[in-house]
């Protein structure tokens, strides 16, 4: 089954972006995964359920043969 992926953008300073990337890396996540996990913690049950499903179905970054 094919999934349609869309882009979502936020506007932040370079300092915020770089710090967020460091935090995500220290947790073993990508920046996108970190943002999704933070959105899931918003308290909305439906959003949390959708994000958990997305994170399970999402392919990990990198080359597939290195997994």
N, C-alpha and C. Protein backbone atom coordinates (compact mmCIF):
# COMPACT_ATOMS: atom_id res chain seq x y z
N UNK A 1 0.84 -1.18 0.00
CA UNK A 1 0.00 0.00 0.00
C UNK A 1 0.89 1.25 0.00
N UNK A 2 0.60 2.15 -0.88
CA UNK A 2 1.37 3.38 -1.02
C UNK A 2 0.85 4.45 -0.06
N UNK A 3 1.78 5.16 0.54
CA UNK A 3 1.40 6.26 1.43
C UNK A 3 1.77 7.57 0.79
N UNK A 4 0.91 8.55 0.90
CA UNK A 4 1.22 9.88 0.38
C UNK A 4 1.91 10.67 1.48
N UNK A 5 3.10 11.13 1.19
CA UNK A 5 3.88 11.91 2.15
C UNK A 5 3.82 13.38 1.75
N UNK A 6 3.55 14.25 2.69
CA UNK A 6 3.51 15.69 2.44
C UNK A 6 4.56 16.38 3.29
N UNK A 7 4.91 17.58 2.91
CA UNK A 7 5.88 18.37 3.67
C UNK A 7 5.17 19.29 4.65
N UNK A 8 5.84 19.53 5.76
CA UNK A 8 5.33 20.45 6.77
C UNK A 8 6.52 21.30 7.21
N UNK A 9 6.36 22.59 7.21
CA UNK A 9 7.48 23.47 7.53
C UNK A 9 7.17 24.33 8.74
N UNK A 10 8.23 24.62 9.51
CA UNK A 10 8.14 25.60 10.58
C UNK A 10 9.28 26.59 10.41
N UNK A 11 9.08 27.78 10.85
CA UNK A 11 10.09 28.81 10.71
C UNK A 11 10.77 29.02 12.07
N UNK A 12 12.08 28.78 12.10
CA UNK A 12 12.88 28.97 13.31
C UNK A 12 14.24 29.53 12.92
N UNK A 13 14.96 30.01 13.90
CA UNK A 13 16.33 30.49 13.65
C UNK A 13 17.27 29.30 13.46
N UNK A 14 18.43 29.58 12.89
CA UNK A 14 19.43 28.52 12.71
C UNK A 14 19.85 27.91 14.04
N UNK A 15 19.94 28.73 15.08
CA UNK A 15 20.35 28.24 16.39
C UNK A 15 19.35 27.21 16.93
N UNK A 16 18.07 27.50 16.78
CA UNK A 16 17.03 26.57 17.25
C UNK A 16 17.11 25.27 16.46
N UNK A 17 17.25 25.37 15.15
CA UNK A 17 17.31 24.18 14.30
C UNK A 17 18.52 23.31 14.66
N UNK A 18 19.67 23.92 14.82
CA UNK A 18 20.88 23.17 15.14
C UNK A 18 20.78 22.49 16.50
N UNK A 19 20.22 23.20 17.49
CA UNK A 19 20.06 22.60 18.82
C UNK A 19 19.06 21.45 18.77
N UNK A 20 17.98 21.62 18.03
CA UNK A 20 16.98 20.56 17.90
C UNK A 20 17.59 19.32 17.24
N UNK A 21 18.45 19.54 16.25
CA UNK A 21 19.11 18.41 15.59
C UNK A 21 20.02 17.66 16.57
N UNK A 22 20.73 18.41 17.43
CA UNK A 22 21.59 17.78 18.43
C UNK A 22 20.78 16.97 19.44
N UNK A 23 19.66 17.54 19.89
CA UNK A 23 18.80 16.84 20.84
C UNK A 23 18.25 15.56 20.20
N UNK A 24 17.79 15.66 18.96
CA UNK A 24 17.25 14.49 18.27
C UNK A 24 18.33 13.42 18.12
N UNK A 25 19.52 13.81 17.74
CA UNK A 25 20.61 12.85 17.57
C UNK A 25 20.97 12.18 18.88
N UNK A 26 20.96 12.93 19.96
CA UNK A 26 21.30 12.35 21.27
C UNK A 26 20.26 11.32 21.72
N UNK A 27 19.03 11.46 21.22
CA UNK A 27 17.97 10.50 21.54
C UNK A 27 17.87 9.36 20.52
N UNK A 28 18.70 9.41 19.48
CA UNK A 28 18.67 8.39 18.45
C UNK A 28 17.54 8.57 17.46
N UNK A 29 17.05 9.78 17.33
CA UNK A 29 15.94 10.09 16.42
C UNK A 29 16.42 11.03 15.32
N UNK A 30 15.62 11.12 14.28
CA UNK A 30 15.82 12.18 13.30
C UNK A 30 15.08 13.42 13.80
N UNK A 31 15.34 14.53 13.19
CA UNK A 31 14.65 15.77 13.57
C UNK A 31 13.14 15.61 13.37
N UNK A 32 12.74 14.99 12.27
CA UNK A 32 11.31 14.77 12.00
C UNK A 32 10.67 13.90 13.07
N UNK A 33 11.37 12.83 13.48
CA UNK A 33 10.83 11.95 14.52
C UNK A 33 10.69 12.69 15.84
N UNK A 34 11.66 13.53 16.17
CA UNK A 34 11.58 14.32 17.40
C UNK A 34 10.36 15.23 17.39
N UNK A 35 10.16 15.92 16.28
CA UNK A 35 9.02 16.83 16.16
C UNK A 35 7.70 16.07 16.26
N UNK A 36 7.62 14.91 15.59
CA UNK A 36 6.40 14.11 15.65
C UNK A 36 6.12 13.64 17.08
N UNK A 37 7.15 13.20 17.79
CA UNK A 37 6.97 12.74 19.17
C UNK A 37 6.51 13.88 20.08
N UNK A 38 7.04 15.07 19.85
CA UNK A 38 6.60 16.21 20.64
C UNK A 38 5.16 16.59 20.32
N UNK A 39 4.76 16.49 19.06
CA UNK A 39 3.36 16.72 18.69
C UNK A 39 2.44 15.70 19.35
N UNK A 40 2.91 14.46 19.42
CA UNK A 40 2.11 13.39 20.03
C UNK A 40 1.87 13.65 21.51
N UNK A 41 2.76 14.39 22.15
CA UNK A 41 2.62 14.65 23.58
C UNK A 41 1.69 15.84 23.87
N UNK A 42 0.99 16.32 22.85
CA UNK A 42 0.13 17.49 23.01
C UNK A 42 -1.13 17.22 23.83
N UNK A 43 -1.49 15.95 23.99
CA UNK A 43 -2.69 15.63 24.76
C UNK A 43 -3.86 15.18 23.91
N UNK A 44 -3.77 15.34 22.61
CA UNK A 44 -4.85 14.91 21.71
C UNK A 44 -4.67 13.43 21.41
N UNK A 45 -5.64 12.61 21.80
CA UNK A 45 -5.53 11.16 21.65
C UNK A 45 -5.50 10.71 20.20
N UNK A 46 -6.31 11.34 19.36
CA UNK A 46 -6.34 10.94 17.94
C UNK A 46 -5.02 11.28 17.25
N UNK A 47 -4.47 12.46 17.54
CA UNK A 47 -3.18 12.85 16.97
C UNK A 47 -2.08 11.91 17.43
N UNK A 48 -2.10 11.56 18.70
CA UNK A 48 -1.10 10.64 19.24
C UNK A 48 -1.17 9.28 18.53
N UNK A 49 -2.38 8.78 18.33
CA UNK A 49 -2.58 7.49 17.66
C UNK A 49 -2.06 7.54 16.22
N UNK A 50 -2.37 8.63 15.50
CA UNK A 50 -1.91 8.79 14.12
C UNK A 50 -0.38 8.87 14.05
N UNK A 51 0.23 9.58 14.97
CA UNK A 51 1.68 9.73 14.97
C UNK A 51 2.36 8.42 15.32
N UNK A 52 1.82 7.67 16.27
CA UNK A 52 2.39 6.37 16.60
C UNK A 52 2.36 5.44 15.40
N UNK A 53 1.26 5.47 14.66
CA UNK A 53 1.14 4.65 13.44
C UNK A 53 2.16 5.11 12.41
N UNK A 54 2.30 6.41 12.24
CA UNK A 54 3.27 6.95 11.29
C UNK A 54 4.69 6.53 11.63
N UNK A 55 5.05 6.60 12.91
CA UNK A 55 6.41 6.25 13.31
C UNK A 55 6.68 4.76 13.11
N UNK A 56 5.68 3.91 13.28
CA UNK A 56 5.85 2.47 13.05
C UNK A 56 6.04 2.16 11.57
N UNK A 57 5.31 2.85 10.71
CA UNK A 57 5.35 2.58 9.28
C UNK A 57 6.50 3.28 8.57
N UNK A 58 7.06 4.28 9.18
CA UNK A 58 8.10 5.10 8.55
C UNK A 58 9.39 4.30 8.40
N UNK A 59 9.97 4.30 7.20
CA UNK A 59 11.26 3.62 7.02
C UNK A 59 12.36 4.42 7.72
N UNK A 60 13.32 3.73 8.28
CA UNK A 60 14.43 4.40 8.94
C UNK A 60 15.32 5.06 7.89
N UNK A 61 15.98 6.15 8.23
CA UNK A 61 16.85 6.82 7.26
C UNK A 61 18.09 5.98 6.96
N UNK A 62 18.67 6.23 5.82
CA UNK A 62 19.89 5.53 5.45
C UNK A 62 19.64 4.48 4.38
N UNK A 63 20.64 3.73 4.08
CA UNK A 63 20.55 2.72 3.04
C UNK A 63 19.87 1.47 3.58
N UNK A 64 18.92 0.93 2.82
CA UNK A 64 18.17 -0.21 3.32
C UNK A 64 19.01 -1.46 3.55
N UNK A 65 20.11 -1.61 2.82
CA UNK A 65 20.93 -2.81 2.98
C UNK A 65 21.85 -2.73 4.19
N UNK A 66 21.95 -1.57 4.83
CA UNK A 66 22.75 -1.42 6.05
C UNK A 66 21.98 -1.78 7.30
N UNK A 67 20.71 -2.11 7.17
CA UNK A 67 19.87 -2.37 8.35
C UNK A 67 20.09 -3.78 8.86
